[in-house]
Protein backbone atom coordinates (compact mmCIF):
# COMPACT_ATOMS: atom_id res chain seq x y z
CA MET A 1 -49.49 -102.44 29.89
CA GLY A 2 -46.54 -104.56 30.98
CA LYS A 3 -43.63 -103.29 33.03
CA LEU A 4 -41.23 -104.27 30.21
CA ASP A 5 -43.30 -103.42 27.10
CA GLY A 6 -41.05 -103.34 24.00
CA ARG A 7 -37.85 -103.97 25.92
CA VAL A 8 -35.35 -106.46 24.56
CA VAL A 9 -33.84 -108.50 27.45
CA ILE A 10 -31.30 -111.26 27.42
CA VAL A 11 -31.57 -113.94 30.14
CA THR A 12 -28.70 -116.28 30.42
CA GLY A 13 -29.22 -119.83 31.83
CA ALA A 14 -32.86 -119.45 30.92
CA ALA A 15 -33.68 -122.94 29.94
CA ARG A 16 -34.70 -123.94 33.39
CA GLY A 17 -34.63 -122.89 37.00
CA GLN A 18 -34.52 -119.21 37.93
CA GLY A 19 -33.63 -118.15 34.43
CA GLU A 20 -36.75 -119.90 33.07
CA GLN A 21 -39.04 -118.24 35.57
CA GLU A 22 -37.42 -114.90 34.75
CA ALA A 23 -37.88 -115.39 30.99
CA ARG A 24 -41.59 -116.38 31.64
CA LEU A 25 -42.28 -113.32 33.85
CA PHE A 26 -40.48 -110.88 31.66
CA ALA A 27 -42.39 -112.14 28.55
CA ALA A 28 -45.73 -111.84 30.49
CA GLU A 29 -44.63 -108.23 31.25
CA GLY A 30 -44.20 -107.43 27.53
CA ALA A 31 -40.53 -107.92 26.98
CA LYS A 32 -38.98 -109.43 23.86
CA VAL A 33 -37.06 -112.09 25.72
CA VAL A 34 -33.83 -113.71 24.48
CA VAL A 35 -33.53 -117.24 26.00
CA ALA A 36 -29.81 -117.93 26.12
CA ASP A 37 -28.40 -121.28 27.33
CA VAL A 38 -26.35 -124.34 26.44
CA LEU A 39 -29.40 -126.61 26.89
CA ASP A 40 -30.54 -126.22 23.31
CA GLU A 41 -33.55 -128.58 23.36
CA GLN A 42 -35.01 -127.12 26.49
CA GLY A 43 -34.13 -123.55 25.59
CA GLU A 44 -35.67 -123.82 22.14
CA ALA A 45 -38.83 -125.36 23.58
CA LEU A 46 -39.13 -122.47 26.03
CA ALA A 47 -38.48 -119.96 23.45
CA GLY A 48 -41.05 -121.38 21.17
CA GLU A 49 -43.66 -121.43 23.93
CA LEU A 50 -43.00 -117.79 24.70
CA GLY A 51 -42.59 -116.52 21.18
CA ALA A 52 -38.99 -115.55 22.17
CA LEU A 53 -35.61 -115.79 20.51
CA TYR A 54 -33.32 -118.59 21.50
CA VAL A 55 -29.58 -118.34 21.28
CA HIS A 56 -26.95 -120.92 22.16
CA LEU A 57 -24.63 -119.31 24.70
CA ASP A 58 -21.87 -120.81 26.71
CA VAL A 59 -21.27 -117.76 28.98
CA SER A 60 -17.64 -118.73 29.60
CA ARG A 61 -16.82 -118.25 25.84
CA GLU A 62 -16.20 -114.84 24.43
CA ALA A 63 -17.10 -115.92 20.83
CA ASP A 64 -20.40 -117.25 21.97
CA TRP A 65 -21.25 -113.86 23.58
CA VAL A 66 -20.25 -111.94 20.38
CA ALA A 67 -22.41 -114.28 18.27
CA ALA A 68 -25.40 -114.09 20.64
CA VAL A 69 -25.39 -110.27 20.70
CA ALA A 70 -25.15 -110.21 16.93
CA ALA A 71 -28.22 -112.56 16.62
CA VAL A 72 -30.09 -110.38 19.00
CA LYS A 73 -29.44 -107.17 17.11
CA GLN A 74 -30.38 -108.86 13.85
CA ALA A 75 -33.61 -110.06 15.33
CA TYR A 76 -34.62 -107.01 17.31
CA GLY A 77 -32.32 -104.14 16.28
CA GLY A 78 -30.92 -103.63 19.72
CA VAL A 79 -30.91 -104.73 23.40
CA ASP A 80 -32.14 -103.03 26.53
CA GLY A 81 -31.39 -105.37 29.41
CA LEU A 82 -29.37 -108.28 30.56
CA VAL A 83 -29.81 -110.75 33.34
CA ASN A 84 -26.64 -112.66 34.02
CA ASN A 85 -28.31 -115.67 35.57
CA ALA A 86 -26.19 -118.66 34.39
CA GLY A 87 -24.04 -120.27 37.12
CA ILE A 88 -22.87 -123.65 38.46
CA LEU A 89 -22.13 -124.89 41.90
CA ARG A 90 -19.62 -127.56 43.07
CA PHE A 91 -19.39 -128.90 46.75
CA ASN A 92 -15.90 -129.35 48.10
CA ALA A 93 -13.63 -128.28 50.99
CA LEU A 94 -11.11 -125.74 49.70
CA VAL A 95 -8.11 -127.93 50.48
CA ASP A 96 -9.68 -130.68 48.48
CA THR A 97 -10.73 -128.66 45.44
CA PRO A 98 -8.80 -129.45 42.30
CA LEU A 99 -7.55 -126.44 40.25
CA ASP A 100 -9.58 -127.64 37.27
CA GLU A 101 -12.76 -127.60 39.34
CA PHE A 102 -11.95 -124.22 40.74
CA MET A 103 -11.26 -122.73 37.26
CA GLN A 104 -14.50 -124.37 35.87
CA VAL A 105 -16.62 -122.44 38.42
CA VAL A 106 -14.66 -119.21 37.97
CA GLN A 107 -15.09 -119.47 34.13
CA VAL A 108 -18.86 -119.83 34.21
CA ASN A 109 -19.87 -117.73 37.26
CA GLN A 110 -17.21 -114.97 37.33
CA VAL A 111 -15.81 -114.73 33.84
CA GLY A 112 -19.30 -115.41 32.41
CA CYS A 113 -20.63 -112.39 34.22
CA PHE A 114 -17.66 -110.23 33.18
CA LEU A 115 -18.00 -111.27 29.53
CA GLY A 116 -21.74 -110.54 29.68
CA ILE A 117 -21.22 -107.00 30.99
CA ARG A 118 -18.32 -106.27 28.63
CA THR A 119 -20.16 -107.52 25.54
CA VAL A 120 -23.61 -106.27 26.09
CA ALA A 121 -23.02 -102.94 27.82
CA PRO A 122 -21.78 -101.22 24.64
CA GLU A 123 -24.79 -102.37 22.75
CA LEU A 124 -27.34 -101.37 25.54
CA SER A 125 -29.64 -98.53 25.00
CA ASP A 126 -29.13 -95.53 27.26
CA GLY A 127 -31.26 -96.23 30.36
CA GLY A 128 -30.80 -99.97 30.03
CA THR A 129 -30.23 -102.44 32.86
CA ILE A 130 -27.98 -105.24 33.92
CA VAL A 131 -28.99 -107.61 36.66
CA ASN A 132 -26.18 -110.01 37.90
CA THR A 133 -27.07 -113.07 39.93
CA ALA A 134 -24.67 -113.24 42.92
CA SER A 135 -25.71 -115.17 45.99
CA TYR A 136 -26.26 -115.17 49.82
CA THR A 137 -22.75 -116.42 49.84
CA ALA A 138 -21.51 -113.25 48.17
CA LEU A 139 -22.04 -111.64 51.54
CA THR A 140 -21.01 -114.37 53.99
CA GLY A 141 -19.00 -117.59 54.03
CA MET A 142 -20.43 -121.09 53.73
CA ALA A 143 -18.30 -124.27 54.19
CA ALA A 144 -17.97 -126.67 51.26
CA VAL A 145 -18.87 -124.00 48.68
CA GLY A 146 -15.60 -121.95 48.80
CA THR A 147 -15.17 -121.71 44.97
CA TYR A 148 -18.78 -120.71 44.46
CA ALA A 149 -18.67 -118.10 47.25
CA ALA A 150 -15.41 -116.66 45.87
CA THR A 151 -17.01 -116.15 42.42
CA LYS A 152 -20.17 -114.69 43.89
CA HIS A 153 -18.12 -112.21 45.92
CA ALA A 154 -16.37 -111.15 42.71
CA ILE A 155 -19.70 -110.60 41.02
CA LEU A 156 -20.57 -107.94 43.67
CA GLY A 157 -17.31 -106.22 42.81
CA LEU A 158 -18.07 -106.31 39.12
CA THR A 159 -21.54 -104.99 39.73
CA ARG A 160 -20.41 -101.98 41.67
CA VAL A 161 -17.64 -101.05 39.23
CA ALA A 162 -20.02 -101.46 36.20
CA ALA A 163 -22.57 -99.27 37.94
CA LEU A 164 -20.09 -96.54 38.40
CA GLU A 165 -18.79 -96.71 34.86
CA LEU A 166 -22.12 -96.99 33.11
CA ALA A 167 -24.07 -94.46 35.17
CA PRO A 168 -23.35 -91.62 32.71
CA ARG A 169 -25.44 -93.40 30.20
CA GLY A 170 -28.27 -94.03 32.69
CA ILE A 171 -27.50 -97.77 32.67
CA ARG A 172 -28.31 -99.28 36.00
CA VAL A 173 -26.38 -102.44 37.32
CA ASN A 174 -27.52 -104.32 40.37
CA ALA A 175 -26.97 -107.73 41.83
CA MET A 176 -29.46 -110.37 43.25
CA CYS A 177 -28.24 -112.43 46.20
CA PRO A 178 -30.60 -115.46 46.55
CA GLY A 179 -30.30 -117.85 49.49
CA ALA A 180 -31.28 -121.41 48.88
CA VAL A 181 -33.83 -121.68 46.05
CA ASP A 182 -35.83 -124.68 44.89
CA THR A 183 -34.24 -125.32 41.50
CA ALA A 184 -32.17 -128.21 40.13
CA MET A 185 -29.05 -126.71 41.97
CA SER A 186 -30.63 -127.36 45.34
CA ASN A 187 -33.15 -129.95 44.37
CA PRO A 188 -31.54 -132.46 41.96
CA SER A 189 -34.83 -134.52 41.76
CA ARG A 190 -35.95 -131.89 39.32
CA LEU A 191 -33.65 -133.44 36.78
CA ASP A 192 -35.02 -136.97 37.40
CA PRO A 193 -38.21 -137.55 35.28
CA ASP A 194 -39.20 -140.39 37.61
CA ALA A 195 -38.89 -138.34 40.80
CA ASP A 196 -41.54 -136.19 42.60
CA PRO A 197 -40.13 -132.62 42.80
CA ALA A 198 -43.05 -131.62 45.03
CA GLU A 199 -42.04 -134.31 47.66
CA MET A 200 -38.46 -133.03 47.62
CA THR A 201 -39.62 -129.46 47.92
CA ARG A 202 -41.57 -130.50 51.08
CA ALA A 203 -38.40 -132.09 52.40
CA LEU A 204 -36.29 -129.01 51.70
CA ASP A 205 -38.93 -126.81 53.28
CA GLU A 206 -38.61 -128.96 56.41
CA LEU A 207 -34.82 -128.73 56.22
CA TYR A 208 -34.84 -125.05 56.00
CA ARG A 209 -37.59 -124.50 58.57
CA LYS A 210 -35.02 -124.12 61.33
CA LEU A 211 -32.33 -122.43 59.29
CA VAL A 212 -34.42 -119.68 57.63
CA PRO A 213 -36.56 -117.24 59.61
CA LEU A 214 -39.38 -117.48 57.02
CA GLY A 215 -39.36 -121.26 57.43
CA ARG A 216 -38.88 -122.66 54.00
CA ILE A 217 -36.65 -122.78 50.87
CA GLY A 218 -37.12 -119.94 48.28
CA ARG A 219 -38.99 -120.36 45.03
CA ALA A 220 -37.58 -119.45 41.60
CA GLU A 221 -40.67 -117.32 40.99
CA GLU A 222 -39.72 -115.08 43.85
CA VAL A 223 -36.32 -114.43 42.53
CA ALA A 224 -37.81 -113.72 39.16
CA ARG A 225 -40.01 -110.95 40.66
CA LEU A 226 -36.89 -109.30 42.09
CA ALA A 227 -35.13 -109.51 38.65
CA LEU A 228 -38.26 -107.81 37.22
CA PHE A 229 -38.08 -104.95 39.79
CA LEU A 230 -34.40 -104.35 39.00
CA THR A 231 -35.08 -104.44 35.26
CA CYS A 232 -38.22 -102.27 35.16
CA ASP A 233 -38.67 -98.52 35.97
CA ASP A 234 -39.81 -99.39 39.51
CA SER A 235 -36.08 -99.31 40.44
CA SER A 236 -35.19 -96.26 38.43
CA TYR A 237 -33.11 -94.64 41.06
CA ILE A 238 -31.17 -97.71 42.17
CA THR A 239 -27.85 -98.92 40.99
CA GLY A 240 -24.68 -100.70 42.22
CA GLN A 241 -26.58 -102.46 45.03
CA PRO A 242 -26.80 -106.12 46.23
CA PHE A 243 -30.39 -107.28 46.88
CA VAL A 244 -30.59 -110.20 49.36
CA ILE A 245 -33.58 -112.59 48.88
CA ASP A 246 -32.99 -115.35 51.36
CA GLY A 247 -35.99 -115.65 53.63
CA GLY A 248 -34.10 -113.78 56.41
CA TRP A 249 -31.22 -116.33 56.40
CA LEU A 250 -28.50 -113.61 56.51
CA ALA A 251 -30.16 -111.82 59.41
CA GLY A 252 -28.81 -114.38 61.92
CA VAL A 253 -29.76 -117.51 63.75
CA SER A 254 -32.53 -117.80 66.18
CA VAL A 255 -31.84 -119.43 69.47
CA ILE A 256 -35.34 -119.74 70.65
């Protein structure tokens, strides 16, 4: 028996990276996975491989959320879980950040999470789950990613409020706070068909060897296992909480 047998779970940004690994793991654990993304070709290919449903979803657009949930209900009759995984990152000093860039990140990361909660929660079965992807930078600052950090701080606030408001229905809402993870966001070579991602991973491991107590960059599969824990009954008495998965990065800096 799988930990998610028979449950219908929407995963946003599921065509690649963390979302892809979450979709794969959830399907392996018996879930009826909904692969949601704007990368239609990749998303449809993954859904076909998993026997899942693909829906086109720009998380920043309210109409896309309404259409996606309608498609899920038509296909499966209801929904039991949501993983708000989709997000973007832009590097810039705060004083050099154009308003358009700031608003783009806010629309995808913060508004997208809000719209996901607002649209899906009323359709969730009692006892359902929402997992929001925040970040290590939701709990601390980091230079050059101020806009990203601001949106991830906001996601923690949304998580806590949603947990309080949805608790009477037994719906649990939690947040994951990953540190650096080996996806296209941290490893752009994964988007280059001529590059060797493994070589870049080794380079990233070496970079993070001194920054992270566990001595390497995180893997998307590890974040997926945390998402599974927060979606299945193993976390049945946990809600409104941030879960840091960063190899110990937030613990501090070793001087020896």
